[in-house]
Amino acid sequence: GKDVTLIGHHAMVKVCLDAAEALAKEGVEAEVIDNRCLRPLDMATIVESVKKTGRAVVVEECWPQYGVGAEVSARLMTDAFDYLDAPVQRLSQADAPAPYSWALEKLAIPTAAQVAEAVRRMG
């Protein structure tokens, strides 16, 4: 992709891929980064993608505080700041107690539609 980098790990990779597919129908080319290994974190791949696209959306299932998404976002601000055309966007689980039912989990976990909307907001 040339327009935005979508970064996810585990189940959020599928969400990012679905969002990229939806965005492609609108003419937006998204590159999806699958963080298969979180330690060591492959920041070189992420930074190279952001250098190309100028935009990044970090998607995770965890709460917004202290997670992988927070670390990736912070590292992008230090390692790729000069290449960003917009602030890094983060999508995470709702900042609420962990959902205990499927219906509540569906409301709390980021969706492809939410990822696509975050990209649209970036302009």
PDB file of N, CA and C in Angstrom:
ATOM      1  N   GLY A   1       0.803  -1.188   0.000  1.00  0.00           N
ATOM      2  CA  GLY A   1       0.000   0.000   0.000  1.00  0.00           C
ATOM      3  C   GLY A   1       0.847   1.253   0.000  1.00  0.00           C
ATOM      4  N   LYS A   2       0.269   2.323  -0.460  1.00  0.00           N
ATOM      5  CA  LYS A   2       1.003   3.581  -0.501  1.00  0.00           C
ATOM      6  C   LYS A   2       0.378   4.664   0.374  1.00  0.00           C
ATOM      7  N   ASP A   3      -0.827   4.423   0.917  1.00  0.00           N
ATOM      8  CA  ASP A   3      -1.542   5.477   1.622  1.00  0.00           C
ATOM      9  C   ASP A   3      -1.479   5.407   3.143  1.00  0.00           C
ATOM     10  N   VAL A   4      -1.469   4.211   3.700  1.00  0.00           N
ATOM     11  CA  VAL A   4      -1.506   4.067   5.160  1.00  0.00           C
ATOM     12  C   VAL A   4      -0.943   2.701   5.549  1.00  0.00           C
ATOM     13  N   THR A   5      -0.337   2.652   6.733  1.00  0.00           N
ATOM     14  CA  THR A   5       0.152   1.396   7.301  1.00  0.00           C
ATOM     15  C   THR A   5      -0.773   0.999   8.442  1.00  0.00           C
ATOM     16  N   LEU A   6      -1.299  -0.218   8.389  1.00  0.00           N
ATOM     17  CA  LEU A   6      -2.127  -0.763   9.461  1.00  0.00           C
ATOM     18  C   LEU A   6      -1.285  -1.794  10.192  1.00  0.00           C
ATOM     19  N   ILE A   7      -1.160  -1.650  11.497  1.00  0.00           N
ATOM     20  CA  ILE A   7      -0.275  -2.501  12.287  1.00  0.00           C
ATOM     21  C   ILE A   7      -1.099  -3.240  13.328  1.00  0.00           C
ATOM     22  N   GLY A   8      -1.001  -4.565  13.330  1.00  0.00           N
ATOM     23  CA  GLY A   8      -1.739  -5.363  14.301  1.00  0.00           C
ATOM     24  C   GLY A   8      -0.983  -6.618  14.661  1.00  0.00           C
ATOM     25  N   HIS A   9      -1.464  -7.297  15.678  1.00  0.00           N
ATOM     26  CA  HIS A   9      -0.913  -8.600  16.041  1.00  0.00           C
ATOM     27  C   HIS A   9      -2.054  -9.508  16.469  1.00  0.00           C
ATOM     28  N   HIS A  10      -1.822 -10.793  16.341  1.00  0.00           N
ATOM     29  CA  HIS A  10      -2.795 -11.832  16.661  1.00  0.00           C
ATOM     30  C   HIS A  10      -4.103 -11.614  15.894  1.00  0.00           C
ATOM     31  N   ALA A  11      -5.222 -11.607  16.569  1.00  0.00           N
ATOM     32  CA  ALA A  11      -6.526 -11.521  15.899  1.00  0.00           C
ATOM     33  C   ALA A  11      -6.729 -10.204  15.162  1.00  0.00           C
ATOM     34  N   MET A  12      -6.022  -9.165  15.548  1.00  0.00           N
ATOM     35  CA  MET A  12      -6.209  -7.865  14.918  1.00  0.00           C
ATOM     36  C   MET A  12      -5.611  -7.790  13.516  1.00  0.00           C
ATOM     37  N   VAL A  13      -4.785  -8.751  13.141  1.00  0.00           N
ATOM     38  CA  VAL A  13      -4.272  -8.788  11.773  1.00  0.00           C
ATOM     39  C   VAL A  13      -5.435  -9.003  10.806  1.00  0.00           C
ATOM     40  N   LYS A  14      -6.325  -9.903  11.124  1.00  0.00           N
ATOM     41  CA  LYS A  14      -7.500 -10.160  10.278  1.00  0.00           C
ATOM     42  C   LYS A  14      -8.367  -8.911  10.202  1.00  0.00           C
ATOM     43  N   VAL A  15      -8.528  -8.214  11.314  1.00  0.00           N
ATOM     44  CA  VAL A  15      -9.299  -6.966  11.320  1.00  0.00           C
ATOM     45  C   VAL A  15      -8.635  -5.947  10.394  1.00  0.00           C
ATOM     46  N   CYS A  16      -7.317  -5.835  10.461  1.00  0.00           N
ATOM     47  CA  CYS A  16      -6.587  -4.910   9.588  1.00  0.00           C
ATOM     48  C   CYS A  16      -6.724  -5.306   8.118  1.00  0.00           C
ATOM     49  N   LEU A  17      -6.628  -6.591   7.832  1.00  0.00           N
ATOM     50  CA  LEU A  17      -6.783  -7.057   6.456  1.00  0.00           C
ATOM     51  C   LEU A  17      -8.178  -6.757   5.917  1.00  0.00           C
ATOM     52  N   ASP A  18      -9.191  -6.966   6.748  1.00  0.00           N
ATOM     53  CA  ASP A  18     -10.567  -6.665   6.336  1.00  0.00           C
ATOM     54  C   ASP A  18     -10.741  -5.163   6.102  1.00  0.00           C
ATOM     55  N   ALA A  19     -10.143  -4.349   6.962  1.00  0.00           N
ATOM     56  CA  ALA A  19     -10.215  -2.895   6.782  1.00  0.00           C
ATOM     57  C   ALA A  19      -9.502  -2.483   5.500  1.00  0.00           C
ATOM     58  N   ALA A  20      -8.353  -3.084   5.233  1.00  0.00           N
ATOM     59  CA  ALA A  20      -7.609  -2.774   4.004  1.00  0.00           C
ATOM     60  C   ALA A  20      -8.435  -3.121   2.771  1.00  0.00           C
ATOM     61  N   GLU A  21      -9.129  -4.231   2.828  1.00  0.00           N
ATOM     62  CA  GLU A  21      -9.990  -4.636   1.708  1.00  0.00           C
ATOM     63  C   GLU A  21     -11.118  -3.623   1.492  1.00  0.00           C
ATOM     64  N   ALA A  22     -11.726  -3.184   2.586  1.00  0.00           N
ATOM     65  CA  ALA A  22     -12.803  -2.195   2.478  1.00  0.00           C
ATOM     66  C   ALA A  22     -12.273  -0.862   1.961  1.00  0.00           C
ATOM     67  N   LEU A  23     -11.111  -0.457   2.450  1.00  0.00           N
ATOM     68  CA  LEU A  23     -10.520   0.812   2.012  1.00  0.00           C
ATOM     69  C   LEU A  23     -10.124   0.762   0.534  1.00  0.00           C
ATOM     70  N   ALA A  24      -9.690  -0.403   0.064  1.00  0.00           N
ATOM     71  CA  ALA A  24      -9.298  -0.549  -1.338  1.00  0.00           C
ATOM     72  C   ALA A  24     -10.466  -0.232  -2.268  1.00  0.00           C
ATOM     73  N   LYS A  25     -11.672  -0.536  -1.841  1.00  0.00           N
ATOM     74  CA  LYS A  25     -12.856  -0.232  -2.639  1.00  0.00           C
ATOM     75  C   LYS A  25     -13.077   1.271  -2.770  1.00  0.00           C
ATOM     76  N   GLU A  26     -12.452   2.040  -1.858  1.00  0.00           N
ATOM     77  CA  GLU A  26     -12.546   3.500  -1.888  1.00  0.00           C
ATOM     78  C   GLU A  26     -11.301   4.120  -2.529  1.00  0.00           C
ATOM     79  N   GLY A  27     -10.400   3.271  -3.011  1.00  0.00           N
ATOM     80  CA  GLY A  27      -9.186   3.774  -3.638  1.00  0.00           C
ATOM     81  C   GLY A  27      -8.044   4.051  -2.679  1.00  0.00           C
ATOM     82  N   VAL A  28      -8.167   3.600  -1.439  1.00  0.00           N
ATOM     83  CA  VAL A  28      -7.114   3.791  -0.439  1.00  0.00           C
ATOM     84  C   VAL A  28      -6.289   2.504  -0.357  1.00  0.00           C
ATOM     85  N   GLU A  29      -4.992   2.634  -0.587  1.00  0.00           N
ATOM     86  CA  GLU A  29      -4.104   1.477  -0.531  1.00  0.00           C
ATOM     87  C   GLU A  29      -3.462   1.387   0.843  1.00  0.00           C
ATOM     88  N   ALA A  30      -3.752   0.311   1.560  1.00  0.00           N
ATOM     89  CA  ALA A  30      -3.223   0.095   2.902  1.00  0.00           C
ATOM     90  C   ALA A  30      -2.227  -1.053   2.897  1.00  0.00           C
ATOM     91  N   GLU A  31      -1.153  -0.859   3.625  1.00  0.00           N
ATOM     92  CA  GLU A  31      -0.187  -1.935   3.841  1.00  0.00           C
ATOM     93  C   GLU A  31      -0.410  -2.460   5.260  1.00  0.00           C
ATOM     94  N   VAL A  32      -0.552  -3.769   5.400  1.00  0.00           N
ATOM     95  CA  VAL A  32      -0.808  -4.376   6.707  1.00  0.00           C
ATOM     96  C   VAL A  32       0.471  -5.022   7.219  1.00  0.00           C
ATOM     97  N   ILE A  33       0.847  -4.670   8.440  1.00  0.00           N
ATOM     98  CA  ILE A  33       2.009  -5.260   9.097  1.00  0.00           C
ATOM     99  C   ILE A  33       1.501  -6.218  10.165  1.00  0.00           C
ATOM    100  N   ASP A  34       1.929  -7.463  10.082  1.00  0.00           N
ATOM    101  CA  ASP A  34       1.587  -8.496  11.063  1.00  0.00           C
ATOM    102  C   ASP A  34       2.757  -8.631  12.037  1.00  0.00           C
ATOM    103  N   ASN A  35       2.562  -8.148  13.256  1.00  0.00           N
ATOM    104  CA  ASN A  35       3.592  -8.276  14.289  1.00  0.00           C
ATOM    105  C   ASN A  35       3.541  -9.689  14.863  1.00  0.00           C
ATOM    106  N   ARG A  36       4.058 -10.645  14.129  1.00  0.00           N
ATOM    107  CA  ARG A  36       4.032 -12.035  14.597  1.00  0.00           C
ATOM    108  C   ARG A  36       4.862 -12.236  15.853  1.00  0.00           C
ATOM    109  N   CYS A  37       5.933 -11.502  15.951  1.00  0.00           N
ATOM    110  CA  CYS A  37       6.818 -11.603  17.118  1.00  0.00           C
ATOM    111  C   CYS A  37       6.848 -10.249  17.814  1.00  0.00           C
ATOM    112  N   LEU A  38       6.496 -10.228  19.074  1.00  0.00           N
ATOM    113  CA  LEU A  38       6.465  -8.972  19.811  1.00  0.00           C
ATOM    114  C   LEU A  38       7.766  -8.696  20.556  1.00  0.00           C
ATOM    115  N   ARG A  39       8.556  -9.722  20.733  1.00  0.00           N
ATOM    116  CA  ARG A  39       9.855  -9.547  21.376  1.00  0.00           C
ATOM    117  C   ARG A  39      10.834 -10.491  20.739  1.00  0.00           C
ATOM    118  N   PRO A  40      11.747 -10.034  19.907  1.00  0.00           N
ATOM    119  CA  PRO A  40      11.979  -8.613  19.619  1.00  0.00           C
ATOM    120  C   PRO A  40      10.936  -8.063  18.648  1.00  0.00           C
ATOM    121  N   LEU A  41      10.583  -6.826  18.848  1.00  0.00           N
ATOM    122  CA  LEU A  41       9.618  -6.144  17.998  1.00  0.00           C
ATOM    123  C   LEU A  41      10.326  -5.678  16.731  1.00  0.00           C
ATOM    124  N   ASP A  42       9.783  -6.020  15.594  1.00  0.00           N
ATOM    125  CA  ASP A  42      10.401  -5.684  14.307  1.00  0.00           C
ATOM    126  C   ASP A  42      10.041  -4.254  13.902  1.00  0.00           C
ATOM    127  N   MET A  43      10.631  -3.289  14.592  1.00  0.00           N
ATOM    128  CA  MET A  43      10.352  -1.893  14.285  1.00  0.00           C
ATOM    129  C   MET A  43      10.899  -1.478  12.933  1.00  0.00           C
ATOM    130  N   ALA A  44      11.953  -2.127  12.469  1.00  0.00           N
ATOM    131  CA  ALA A  44      12.527  -1.759  11.170  1.00  0.00           C
ATOM    132  C   ALA A  44      11.491  -1.915  10.061  1.00  0.00           C
ATOM    133  N   THR A  45      10.742  -3.004  10.084  1.00  0.00           N
ATOM    134  CA  THR A  45       9.706  -3.233   9.070  1.00  0.00           C
ATOM    135  C   THR A  45       8.607  -2.187   9.186  1.00  0.00           C
ATOM    136  N   ILE A  46       8.195  -1.896  10.403  1.00  0.00           N
ATOM    137  CA  ILE A  46       7.137  -0.909  10.629  1.00  0.00           C
ATOM    138  C   ILE A  46       7.581   0.467  10.151  1.00  0.00           C
ATOM    139  N   VAL A  47       8.786   0.873  10.527  1.00  0.00           N
ATOM    140  CA  VAL A  47       9.294   2.190  10.138  1.00  0.00           C
ATOM    141  C   VAL A  47       9.440   2.296   8.625  1.00  0.00           C
ATOM    142  N   GLU A  48       9.934   1.259   7.978  1.00  0.00           N
ATOM    143  CA  GLU A  48      10.067   1.289   6.518  1.00  0.00           C
ATOM    144  C   GLU A  48       8.715   1.474   5.847  1.00  0.00           C
ATOM    145  N   SER A  49       7.695   0.824   6.366  1.00  0.00           N
ATOM    146  CA  SER A  49       6.356   0.975   5.805  1.00  0.00           C
ATOM    147  C   SER A  49       5.834   2.400   6.012  1.00  0.00           C
ATOM    148  N   VAL A  50       6.025   2.943   7.207  1.00  0.00           N
ATOM    149  CA  VAL A  50       5.551   4.296   7.505  1.00  0.00           C
ATOM    150  C   VAL A  50       6.316   5.331   6.675  1.00  0.00           C
ATOM    151  N   LYS A  51       7.576   5.082   6.401  1.00  0.00           N
ATOM    152  CA  LYS A  51       8.331   5.982   5.516  1.00  0.00           C
ATOM    153  C   LYS A  51       7.661   6.055   4.143  1.00  0.00           C
ATOM    154  N   LYS A  52       7.109   4.946   3.705  1.00  0.00           N
ATOM    155  CA  LYS A  52       6.464   4.860   2.396  1.00  0.00           C
ATOM    156  C   LYS A  52       5.071   5.496   2.412  1.00  0.00           C
ATOM    157  N   THR A  53       4.305   5.252   3.486  1.00  0.00           N
ATOM    158  CA  THR A  53       2.904   5.680   3.505  1.00  0.00           C
ATOM    159  C   THR A  53       2.670   7.021   4.199  1.00  0.00           C
ATOM    160  N   GLY A  54       3.472   7.351   5.198  1.00  0.00           N
ATOM    161  CA  GLY A  54       3.302   8.609   5.928  1.00  0.00           C
ATOM    162  C   GLY A  54       2.213   8.586   6.978  1.00  0.00           C
ATOM    163  N   ARG A  55       1.514   7.455   7.100  1.00  0.00           N
ATOM    164  CA  ARG A  55       0.418   7.355   8.074  1.00  0.00           C
ATOM    165  C   ARG A  55       0.416   5.972   8.697  1.00  0.00           C
ATOM    166  N   ALA A  56      -0.017   5.909   9.978  1.00  0.00           N
ATOM    167  CA  ALA A  56      -0.049   4.623  10.671  1.00  0.00           C
ATOM    168  C   ALA A  56      -1.257   4.543  11.587  1.00  0.00           C
ATOM    169  N   VAL A  57      -1.874   3.366  11.589  1.00  0.00           N
ATOM    170  CA  VAL A  57      -2.945   3.040  12.528  1.00  0.00           C
ATOM    171  C   VAL A  57      -2.516   1.760  13.234  1.00  0.00           C
ATOM    172  N   VAL A  58      -2.439   1.821  14.566  1.00  0.00           N
ATOM    173  CA  VAL A  58      -2.031   0.683  15.384  1.00  0.00           C
ATOM    174  C   VAL A  58      -3.285   0.107  16.028  1.00  0.00           C
ATOM    175  N   VAL A  59      -3.507  -1.189  15.835  1.00  0.00           N
ATOM    176  CA  VAL A  59      -4.743  -1.837  16.293  1.00  0.00           C
ATOM    177  C   VAL A  59      -4.391  -2.981  17.233  1.00  0.00           C
ATOM    178  N   GLU A  60      -5.036  -3.024  18.402  1.00  0.00           N
ATOM    179  CA  GLU A  60      -4.795  -4.111  19.345  1.00  0.00           C
ATOM    180  C   GLU A  60      -6.047  -4.427  20.143  1.00  0.00           C
ATOM    181  N   GLU A  61      -6.080  -5.648  20.679  1.00  0.00           N
ATOM    182  CA  GLU A  61      -7.215  -6.098  21.488  1.00  0.00           C
ATOM    183  C   GLU A  61      -7.105  -5.685  22.945  1.00  0.00           C
ATOM    184  N   CYS A  62      -5.951  -5.236  23.362  1.00  0.00           N
ATOM    185  CA  CYS A  62      -5.712  -4.903  24.771  1.00  0.00           C
ATOM    186  C   CYS A  62      -6.283  -3.534  25.104  1.00  0.00           C
ATOM    187  N   TRP A  63      -6.260  -3.196  26.394  1.00  0.00           N
ATOM    188  CA  TRP A  63      -6.655  -1.864  26.816  1.00  0.00           C
ATOM    189  C   TRP A  63      -5.653  -0.851  26.274  1.00  0.00           C
ATOM    190  N   PRO A  64      -6.045   0.413  26.200  1.00  0.00           N
ATOM    191  CA  PRO A  64      -5.157   1.405  25.587  1.00  0.00           C
ATOM    192  C   PRO A  64      -3.867   1.672  26.371  1.00  0.00           C
ATOM    193  N   GLN A  65      -3.877   1.444  27.680  1.00  0.00           N
ATOM    194  CA  GLN A  65      -2.695   1.734  28.474  1.00  0.00           C
ATOM    195  C   GLN A  65      -1.716   0.559  28.499  1.00  0.00           C
ATOM    196  N   TYR A  66      -0.443   0.865  28.397  1.00  0.00           N
ATOM    197  CA  TYR A  66       0.654  -0.066  28.678  1.00  0.00           C
ATOM    198  C   TYR A  66       0.786  -1.241  27.721  1.00  0.00           C
ATOM    199  N   GLY A  67       0.102  -1.243  26.621  1.00  0.00           N
ATOM    200  CA  GLY A  67       0.136  -2.395  25.729  1.00  0.00           C
ATOM    201  C   GLY A  67       1.117  -2.253  24.582  1.00  0.00           C
ATOM    202  N   VAL A  68       1.072  -3.234  23.710  1.00  0.00           N
ATOM    203  CA  VAL A  68       1.923  -3.247  22.530  1.00  0.00           C
ATOM    204  C   VAL A  68       1.620  -2.036  21.656  1.00  0.00           C
ATOM    205  N   GLY A  69       0.358  -1.692  21.512  1.00  0.00           N
ATOM    206  CA  GLY A  69      -0.016  -0.535  20.699  1.00  0.00           C
ATOM    207  C   GLY A  69       0.585   0.756  21.215  1.00  0.00           C
ATOM    208  N   ALA A  70       0.617   0.910  22.532  1.00  0.00           N
ATOM    209  CA  ALA A  70       1.233   2.094  23.127  1.00  0.00           C
ATOM    210  C   ALA A  70       2.727   2.129  22.808  1.00  0.00           C
ATOM    211  N   GLU A  71       3.381   0.982  22.904  1.00  0.00           N
ATOM    212  CA  GLU A  71       4.812   0.913  22.612  1.00  0.00           C
ATOM    213  C   GLU A  71       5.098   1.196  21.142  1.00  0.00           C
ATOM    214  N   VAL A  72       4.347   0.576  20.241  1.00  0.00           N
ATOM    215  CA  VAL A  72       4.558   0.799  18.809  1.00  0.00           C
ATOM    216  C   VAL A  72       4.327   2.273  18.475  1.00  0.00           C
ATOM    217  N   SER A  73       3.274   2.857  19.011  1.00  0.00           N
ATOM    218  CA  SER A  73       2.974   4.271  18.752  1.00  0.00           C
ATOM    219  C   SER A  73       4.098   5.172  19.252  1.00  0.00           C
ATOM    220  N   ALA A  74       4.564   4.915  20.459  1.00  0.00           N
ATOM    221  CA  ALA A  74       5.652   5.719  21.018  1.00  0.00           C
ATOM    222  C   ALA A  74       6.922   5.578  20.183  1.00  0.00           C
ATOM    223  N   ARG A  75       7.227   4.358  19.783  1.00  0.00           N
ATOM    224  CA  ARG A  75       8.437   4.137  18.975  1.00  0.00           C
ATOM    225  C   ARG A  75       8.316   4.788  17.612  1.00  0.00           C
ATOM    226  N   LEU A  76       7.118   4.804  17.036  1.00  0.00           N
ATOM    227  CA  LEU A  76       6.938   5.490  15.759  1.00  0.00           C
ATOM    228  C   LEU A  76       7.187   6.986  15.908  1.00  0.00           C
ATOM    229  N   MET A  77       6.767   7.537  17.028  1.00  0.00           N
ATOM    230  CA  MET A  77       6.985   8.969  17.247  1.00  0.00           C
ATOM    231  C   MET A  77       8.468   9.302  17.394  1.00  0.00           C
ATOM    232  N   THR A  78       9.254   8.362  17.892  1.00  0.00           N
ATOM    233  CA  THR A  78      10.690   8.625  18.023  1.00  0.00           C
ATOM    234  C   THR A  78      11.477   8.164  16.807  1.00  0.00           C
ATOM    235  N   ASP A  79      11.081   7.060  16.194  1.00  0.00           N
ATOM    236  CA  ASP A  79      11.857   6.478  15.101  1.00  0.00           C
ATOM    237  C   ASP A  79      11.406   6.937  13.711  1.00  0.00           C
ATOM    238  N   ALA A  80      10.177   7.446  13.581  1.00  0.00           N
ATOM    239  CA  ALA A  80       9.660   7.779  12.260  1.00  0.00           C
ATOM    240  C   ALA A  80       8.933   9.126  12.221  1.00  0.00           C
ATOM    241  N   PHE A  81       9.154   9.958  13.213  1.00  0.00           N
ATOM    242  CA  PHE A  81       8.435  11.230  13.325  1.00  0.00           C
ATOM    243  C   PHE A  81       8.514  12.064  12.045  1.00  0.00           C
ATOM    244  N   ASP A  82       9.704  12.175  11.487  1.00  0.00           N
ATOM    245  CA  ASP A  82       9.904  13.017  10.305  1.00  0.00           C
ATOM    246  C   ASP A  82       9.175  12.494   9.066  1.00  0.00           C
ATOM    247  N   TYR A  83       8.734  11.259   9.087  1.00  0.00           N
ATOM    248  CA  TYR A  83       8.058  10.658   7.938  1.00  0.00           C
ATOM    249  C   TYR A  83       6.538  10.664   8.081  1.00  0.00           C
ATOM    250  N   LEU A  84       6.039  11.023   9.257  1.00  0.00           N
ATOM    251  CA  LEU A  84       4.594  10.998   9.494  1.00  0.00           C
ATOM    252  C   LEU A  84       3.925  12.251   8.936  1.00  0.00           C
ATOM    253  N   ASP A  85       2.855  12.062   8.172  1.00  0.00           N
ATOM    254  CA  ASP A  85       2.063  13.167   7.644  1.00  0.00           C
ATOM    255  C   ASP A  85       0.846  13.447   8.520  1.00  0.00           C
ATOM    256  N   ALA A  86       0.604  12.581   9.486  1.00  0.00           N
ATOM    257  CA  ALA A  86      -0.520  12.719  10.411  1.00  0.00           C
ATOM    258  C   ALA A  86      -0.147  11.988  11.701  1.00  0.00           C
ATOM    259  N   PRO A  87      -0.767  12.364  12.816  1.00  0.00           N
ATOM    260  CA  PRO A  87      -0.477  11.650  14.066  1.00  0.00           C
ATOM    261  C   PRO A  87      -0.832  10.168  13.957  1.00  0.00           C
ATOM    262  N   VAL A  88      -0.096   9.337  14.650  1.00  0.00           N
ATOM    263  CA  VAL A  88      -0.388   7.907  14.707  1.00  0.00           C
ATOM    264  C   VAL A  88      -1.745   7.736  15.371  1.00  0.00           C
ATOM    265  N   GLN A  89      -2.596   6.919  14.763  1.00  0.00           N
ATOM    266  CA  GLN A  89      -3.904   6.611  15.340  1.00  0.00           C
ATOM    267  C   GLN A  89      -3.823   5.268  16.051  1.00  0.00           C
ATOM    268  N   ARG A  90      -4.493   5.161  17.183  1.00  0.00           N
ATOM    269  CA  ARG A  90      -4.522   3.905  17.934  1.00  0.00           C
ATOM    270  C   ARG A  90      -5.954   3.472  18.146  1.00  0.00           C
ATOM    271  N   LEU A  91      -6.185   2.176  17.934  1.00  0.00           N
ATOM    272  CA  LEU A  91      -7.475   1.571  18.240  1.00  0.00           C
ATOM    273  C   LEU A  91      -7.205   0.405  19.173  1.00  0.00           C
ATOM    274  N   SER A  92      -7.970   0.347  20.240  1.00  0.00           N
ATOM    275  CA  SER A  92      -7.777  -0.721  21.220  1.00  0.00           C
ATOM    276  C   SER A  92      -9.128  -1.113  21.797  1.00  0.00           C
ATOM    277  N   GLN A  93      -9.072  -2.097  22.689  1.00  0.00           N
ATOM    278  CA  GLN A  93     -10.290  -2.496  23.395  1.00  0.00           C
ATOM    279  C   GLN A  93     -10.842  -1.288  24.135  1.00  0.00           C
ATOM    280  N   ALA A  94     -12.138  -1.247  24.306  1.00  0.00           N
ATOM    281  CA  ALA A  94     -12.754  -0.172  25.077  1.00  0.00           C
ATOM    282  C   ALA A  94     -12.128  -0.109  26.468  1.00  0.00           C
ATOM    283  N   ASP A  95     -11.939   1.091  26.966  1.00  0.00           N
ATOM    284  CA  ASP A  95     -11.324   1.286  28.278  1.00  0.00           C
ATOM    285  C   ASP A  95     -12.379   1.019  29.357  1.00  0.00           C
ATOM    286  N   ALA A  96     -12.691  -0.254  29.517  1.00  0.00           N
ATOM    287  CA  ALA A  96     -13.725  -0.718  30.438  1.00  0.00           C
ATOM    288  C   ALA A  96     -13.308  -2.103  30.944  1.00  0.00           C
ATOM    289  N   PRO A  97     -13.986  -2.622  31.951  1.00  0.00           N
ATOM    290  CA  PRO A  97     -13.647  -3.977  32.399  1.00  0.00           C
ATOM    291  C   PRO A  97     -13.729  -4.980  31.247  1.00  0.00           C
ATOM    292  N   ALA A  98     -12.919  -6.012  31.329  1.00  0.00           N
ATOM    293  CA  ALA A  98     -12.887  -7.025  30.270  1.00  0.00           C
ATOM    294  C   ALA A  98     -14.275  -7.614  30.057  1.00  0.00           C
ATOM    295  N   PRO A  99     -14.708  -7.702  28.799  1.00  0.00           N
ATOM    296  CA  PRO A  99     -16.028  -8.254  28.523  1.00  0.00           C
ATOM    297  C   PRO A  99     -16.073  -9.745  28.848  1.00  0.00           C
ATOM    298  N   TYR A 100     -17.205 -10.191  29.351  1.00  0.00           N
ATOM    299  CA  TYR A 100     -17.336 -11.597  29.753  1.00  0.00           C
ATOM    300  C   TYR A 100     -18.294 -12.379  28.876  1.00  0.00           C
ATOM    301  N   SER A 101     -18.919 -11.718  27.936  1.00  0.00           N
ATOM    302  CA  SER A 101     -19.814 -12.427  27.026  1.00  0.00           C
ATOM    303  C   SER A 101     -19.465 -12.046  25.590  1.00  0.00           C
ATOM    304  N   TRP A 102     -19.877 -12.898  24.657  1.00  0.00           N
ATOM    305  CA  TRP A 102     -19.586 -12.653  23.251  1.00  0.00           C
ATOM    306  C   TRP A 102     -20.172 -11.322  22.792  1.00  0.00           C
ATOM    307  N   ALA A 103     -21.390 -11.019  23.213  1.00  0.00           N
ATOM    308  CA  ALA A 103     -22.052  -9.786  22.780  1.00  0.00           C
ATOM    309  C   ALA A 103     -21.298  -8.553  23.277  1.00  0.00           C
ATOM    310  N   LEU A 104     -20.839  -8.593  24.518  1.00  0.00           N
ATOM    311  CA  LEU A 104     -20.087  -7.459  25.048  1.00  0.00           C
ATOM    312  C   LEU A 104     -18.704  -7.368  24.422  1.00  0.00           C
ATOM    313  N   GLU A 105     -18.088  -8.520  24.168  1.00  0.00           N
ATOM    314  CA  GLU A 105     -16.774  -8.515  23.524  1.00  0.00           C
ATOM    315  C   GLU A 105     -16.872  -7.892  22.136  1.00  0.00           C
ATOM    316  N   LYS A 106     -17.930  -8.197  21.436  1.00  0.00           N
ATOM    317  CA  LYS A 106     -18.136  -7.648  20.097  1.00  0.00           C
ATOM    318  C   LYS A 106     -18.206  -6.118  20.136  1.00  0.00           C
ATOM    319  N   LEU A 107     -18.728  -5.567  21.202  1.00  0.00           N
ATOM    320  CA  LEU A 107     -18.811  -4.110  21.349  1.00  0.00           C
ATOM    321  C   LEU A 107     -17.487  -3.489  21.786  1.00  0.00           C
ATOM    322  N   ALA A 108     -16.638  -4.262  22.460  1.00  0.00           N
ATOM    323  CA  ALA A 108     -15.416  -3.710  23.056  1.00  0.00           C
ATOM    324  C   ALA A 108     -14.193  -3.801  22.160  1.00  0.00           C
ATOM    325  N   ILE A 109     -14.137  -4.796  21.284  1.00  0.00           N
ATOM    326  CA  ILE A 109     -12.941  -5.060  20.481  1.00  0.00           C
ATOM    327  C   ILE A 109     -13.016  -4.276  19.163  1.00  0.00           C
ATOM    328  N   PRO A 110     -11.900  -3.708  18.703  1.00  0.00           N
ATOM    329  CA  PRO A 110     -11.913  -2.957  17.439  1.00  0.00           C
ATOM    330  C   PRO A 110     -12.403  -3.797  16.258  1.00  0.00           C
ATOM    331  N   THR A 111     -13.090  -3.140  15.344  1.00  0.00           N
ATOM    332  CA  THR A 111     -13.614  -3.789  14.147  1.00  0.00           C
ATOM    333  C   THR A 111     -12.951  -3.195  12.901  1.00  0.00           C
ATOM    334  N   ALA A 112     -13.102  -3.889  11.796  1.00  0.00           N
ATOM    335  CA  ALA A 112     -12.578  -3.389  10.528  1.00  0.00           C
ATOM    336  C   ALA A 112     -13.211  -2.045  10.171  1.00  0.00           C
ATOM    337  N   ALA A 113     -14.478  -1.887  10.448  1.00  0.00           N
ATOM    338  CA  ALA A 113     -15.161  -0.624  10.161  1.00  0.00           C
ATOM    339  C   ALA A 113     -14.548   0.522  10.967  1.00  0.00           C
ATOM    340  N   GLN A 114     -14.194   0.260  12.219  1.00  0.00           N
ATOM    341  CA  GLN A 114     -13.565   1.289  13.044  1.00  0.00           C
ATOM    342  C   GLN A 114     -12.170   1.631  12.540  1.00  0.00           C
ATOM    343  N   VAL A 115     -11.442   0.618  12.084  1.00  0.00           N
ATOM    344  CA  VAL A 115     -10.105   0.859  11.531  1.00  0.00           C
ATOM    345  C   VAL A 115     -10.233   1.716  10.272  1.00  0.00           C
ATOM    346  N   ALA A 116     -11.142   1.357   9.387  1.00  0.00           N
ATOM    347  CA  ALA A 116     -11.347   2.128   8.156  1.00  0.00           C
ATOM    348  C   ALA A 116     -11.747   3.564   8.479  1.00  0.00           C
ATOM    349  N   GLU A 117     -12.585   3.749   9.469  1.00  0.00           N
ATOM    350  CA  GLU A 117     -13.004   5.108   9.856  1.00  0.00           C
ATOM    351  C   GLU A 117     -11.815   5.896  10.411  1.00  0.00           C
ATOM    352  N   ALA A 118     -10.942   5.275  11.169  1.00  0.00           N
ATOM    353  CA  ALA A 118      -9.749   5.963  11.676  1.00  0.00           C
ATOM    354  C   ALA A 118      -8.869   6.426  10.519  1.00  0.00           C
ATOM    355  N   VAL A 119      -8.761   5.610   9.476  1.00  0.00           N
ATOM    356  CA  VAL A 119      -7.981   6.000   8.292  1.00  0.00           C
ATOM    357  C   VAL A 119      -8.640   7.193   7.604  1.00  0.00           C
ATOM    358  N   ARG A 120      -9.935   7.150   7.466  1.00  0.00           N
ATOM    359  CA  ARG A 120     -10.644   8.262   6.804  1.00  0.00           C
ATOM    360  C   ARG A 120     -10.465   9.572   7.565  1.00  0.00           C
ATOM    361  N   ARG A 121     -10.465   9.502   8.908  1.00  0.00           N
ATOM    362  CA  ARG A 121     -10.281  10.696   9.726  1.00  0.00           C
ATOM    363  C   ARG A 121      -8.908  11.328   9.532  1.00  0.00           C
ATOM    364  N   MET A 122      -7.940  10.526   9.119  1.00  0.00           N
ATOM    365  CA  MET A 122      -6.577  11.024   8.954  1.00  0.00           C
ATOM    366  C   MET A 122      -6.444  11.926   7.727  1.00  0.00           C
ATOM    367  N   GLY A 123      -7.412  11.821   6.844  1.00  0.00           N
ATOM    368  CA  GLY A 123      -7.407  12.686   5.659  1.00  0.00           C
ATOM    369  C   GLY A 123      -6.597  12.183   4.518  1.00  0.00           C
TER     370      GLY A 123
END
